[in-house]
């Protein structure tokens, strides 16, 4: 942590975290648009996460970008910032 209280992330810590390496639009089974987000994990494996339009827009707002190219290099955690919590109560 820095003197002003901000969290300082080391290059090593960032390298251990999954990052978004790309995204593209695709058609879901119902014909609606969805966002296919490619994530590279620390072990080098690339996986894909499908987001509906609302979650995709929330991700882009969270990353403060206006085109899909800006997602590359972002932390996978940005996806979670746009996810609505669910409750069983």
C-alpha atoms as a PDB file:
ATOM      1  CA  UNK A   1       0.000   0.000   0.000  1.00  0.00           C
ATOM      2  CA  UNK A   2       1.324   3.446  -0.832  1.00  0.00           C
ATOM      3  CA  UNK A   3       1.658   6.325   1.627  1.00  0.00           C
ATOM      4  CA  UNK A   4      -1.687   7.791   0.482  1.00  0.00           C
ATOM      5  CA  UNK A   5      -3.483   4.483   1.102  1.00  0.00           C
ATOM      6  CA  UNK A   6      -3.793   3.421  -2.540  1.00  0.00           C
ATOM      7  CA  UNK A   7      -3.200  -0.225  -3.304  1.00  0.00           C
ATOM      8  CA  UNK A   8      -0.005  -0.728  -5.271  1.00  0.00           C
ATOM      9  CA  UNK A   9       0.031  -3.821  -7.487  1.00  0.00           C
ATOM     10  CA  UNK A  10       3.360  -5.310  -8.414  1.00  0.00           C
ATOM     11  CA  UNK A  11       4.113  -6.651 -11.879  1.00  0.00           C
ATOM     12  CA  UNK A  12       4.352 -10.122 -10.329  1.00  0.00           C
ATOM     13  CA  UNK A  13       0.849  -9.857  -8.842  1.00  0.00           C
ATOM     14  CA  UNK A  14      -0.551  -8.640 -12.149  1.00  0.00           C
ATOM     15  CA  UNK A  15       1.144 -11.537 -13.994  1.00  0.00           C
ATOM     16  CA  UNK A  16      -0.669 -13.990 -11.685  1.00  0.00           C
ATOM     17  CA  UNK A  17      -4.049 -12.562 -12.603  1.00  0.00           C
ATOM     18  CA  UNK A  18      -6.236 -13.507 -15.542  1.00  0.00           C
ATOM     19  CA  UNK A  19      -6.598 -10.749 -18.127  1.00  0.00           C
ATOM     20  CA  UNK A  20      -8.933 -10.034 -20.997  1.00  0.00           C
ATOM     21  CA  UNK A  21      -7.105 -10.541 -24.290  1.00  0.00           C
ATOM     22  CA  UNK A  22      -9.943  -9.790 -26.687  1.00  0.00           C
ATOM     23  CA  UNK A  23     -13.662  -9.702 -27.345  1.00  0.00           C
ATOM     24  CA  UNK A  24     -16.044 -10.043 -30.260  1.00  0.00           C
ATOM     25  CA  UNK A  25     -19.747  -9.859 -30.900  1.00  0.00           C
ATOM     26  CA  UNK A  26     -21.688 -13.010 -31.646  1.00  0.00           C
ATOM     27  CA  UNK A  27     -25.313 -14.053 -32.070  1.00  0.00           C
ATOM     28  CA  UNK A  28     -26.804 -15.990 -29.182  1.00  0.00           C
ATOM     29  CA  UNK A  29     -29.118 -18.941 -29.761  1.00  0.00           C
ATOM     30  CA  UNK A  30     -32.098 -16.569 -29.511  1.00  0.00           C
ATOM     31  CA  UNK A  31     -30.663 -14.194 -32.111  1.00  0.00           C
ATOM     32  CA  UNK A  32     -29.726 -11.523 -29.583  1.00  0.00           C
ATOM     33  CA  UNK A  33     -26.223 -10.090 -29.565  1.00  0.00           C
ATOM     34  CA  UNK A  34     -23.780 -11.319 -26.963  1.00  0.00           C
ATOM     35  CA  UNK A  35     -20.175 -10.529 -26.203  1.00  0.00           C
ATOM     36  CA  UNK A  36     -17.589 -13.317 -26.312  1.00  0.00           C
ATOM     37  CA  UNK A  37     -14.751 -12.275 -24.011  1.00  0.00           C
ATOM     38  CA  UNK A  38     -11.415 -14.111 -24.296  1.00  0.00           C
ATOM     39  CA  UNK A  39      -9.498 -14.388 -21.033  1.00  0.00           C
ATOM     40  CA  UNK A  40      -5.891 -15.556 -20.673  1.00  0.00           C
ATOM     41  CA  UNK A  41      -5.205 -17.246 -17.353  1.00  0.00           C
ATOM     42  CA  UNK A  42      -1.811 -17.163 -15.607  1.00  0.00           C
ATOM     43  CA  UNK A  43      -0.991 -20.663 -16.907  1.00  0.00           C
ATOM     44  CA  UNK A  44      -1.369 -19.408 -20.498  1.00  0.00           C
ATOM     45  CA  UNK A  45      -4.708 -21.058 -21.247  1.00  0.00           C
ATOM     46  CA  UNK A  46      -7.260 -18.859 -23.026  1.00  0.00           C
ATOM     47  CA  UNK A  47     -10.909 -19.376 -22.158  1.00  0.00           C
ATOM     48  CA  UNK A  48     -14.088 -17.671 -23.269  1.00  0.00           C
ATOM     49  CA  UNK A  49     -16.894 -16.064 -21.309  1.00  0.00           C
ATOM     50  CA  UNK A  50     -20.242 -15.198 -22.900  1.00  0.00           C
ATOM     51  CA  UNK A  51     -21.958 -12.027 -21.732  1.00  0.00           C
ATOM     52  CA  UNK A  52     -25.416 -10.838 -22.668  1.00  0.00           C
ATOM     53  CA  UNK A  53     -25.777  -7.298 -24.015  1.00  0.00           C
ATOM     54  CA  UNK A  54     -26.459  -5.726 -20.605  1.00  0.00           C
ATOM     55  CA  UNK A  55     -23.410  -7.364 -19.024  1.00  0.00           C
ATOM     56  CA  UNK A  56     -21.298  -6.452 -22.059  1.00  0.00           C
ATOM     57  CA  UNK A  57     -22.259  -2.783 -21.816  1.00  0.00           C
ATOM     58  CA  UNK A  58     -21.637  -2.863 -18.056  1.00  0.00           C
ATOM     59  CA  UNK A  59     -18.155  -4.286 -18.710  1.00  0.00           C
ATOM     60  CA  UNK A  60     -17.386  -1.532 -21.203  1.00  0.00           C
ATOM     61  CA  UNK A  61     -18.589   1.148 -18.747  1.00  0.00           C
ATOM     62  CA  UNK A  62     -16.527  -0.441 -15.983  1.00  0.00           C
ATOM     63  CA  UNK A  63     -13.444  -0.275 -18.209  1.00  0.00           C
ATOM     64  CA  UNK A  64     -14.345   3.264 -19.328  1.00  0.00           C
ATOM     65  CA  UNK A  65     -14.025   2.375 -23.016  1.00  0.00           C
ATOM     66  CA  UNK A  66     -16.200   2.853 -26.074  1.00  0.00           C
ATOM     67  CA  UNK A  67     -14.908   0.095 -28.376  1.00  0.00           C
ATOM     68  CA  UNK A  68     -14.065  -3.589 -27.931  1.00  0.00           C
ATOM     69  CA  UNK A  69     -10.360  -3.047 -28.616  1.00  0.00           C
ATOM     70  CA  UNK A  70     -10.088  -1.294 -25.263  1.00  0.00           C
ATOM     71  CA  UNK A  71     -10.891  -4.501 -23.392  1.00  0.00           C
ATOM     72  CA  UNK A  72      -7.512  -6.084 -24.175  1.00  0.00           C
ATOM     73  CA  UNK A  73      -5.271  -5.920 -21.130  1.00  0.00           C
ATOM     74  CA  UNK A  74      -8.089  -5.292 -18.649  1.00  0.00           C
ATOM     75  CA  UNK A  75      -8.397  -7.447 -15.548  1.00  0.00           C
ATOM     76  CA  UNK A  76     -11.007 -10.212 -15.683  1.00  0.00           C
ATOM     77  CA  UNK A  77     -12.329  -8.707 -12.445  1.00  0.00           C
ATOM     78  CA  UNK A  78     -13.882  -5.884 -14.465  1.00  0.00           C
ATOM     79  CA  UNK A  79     -16.487  -8.421 -15.610  1.00  0.00           C
ATOM     80  CA  UNK A  80     -17.596  -8.866 -12.015  1.00  0.00           C
ATOM     81  CA  UNK A  81     -18.146  -5.138 -11.510  1.00  0.00           C
ATOM     82  CA  UNK A  82     -21.108  -5.246 -13.893  1.00  0.00           C
ATOM     83  CA  UNK A  83     -22.703  -8.427 -12.576  1.00  0.00           C
ATOM     84  CA  UNK A  84     -25.905  -7.973 -10.634  1.00  0.00           C
ATOM     85  CA  UNK A  85     -25.988  -9.946  -7.432  1.00  0.00           C
ATOM     86  CA  UNK A  86     -28.738 -12.472  -7.008  1.00  0.00           C
ATOM     87  CA  UNK A  87     -30.589 -13.310  -3.881  1.00  0.00           C
ATOM     88  CA  UNK A  88     -32.695 -16.266  -2.819  1.00  0.00           C
ATOM     89  CA  UNK A  89     -34.527 -14.288  -0.143  1.00  0.00           C
END
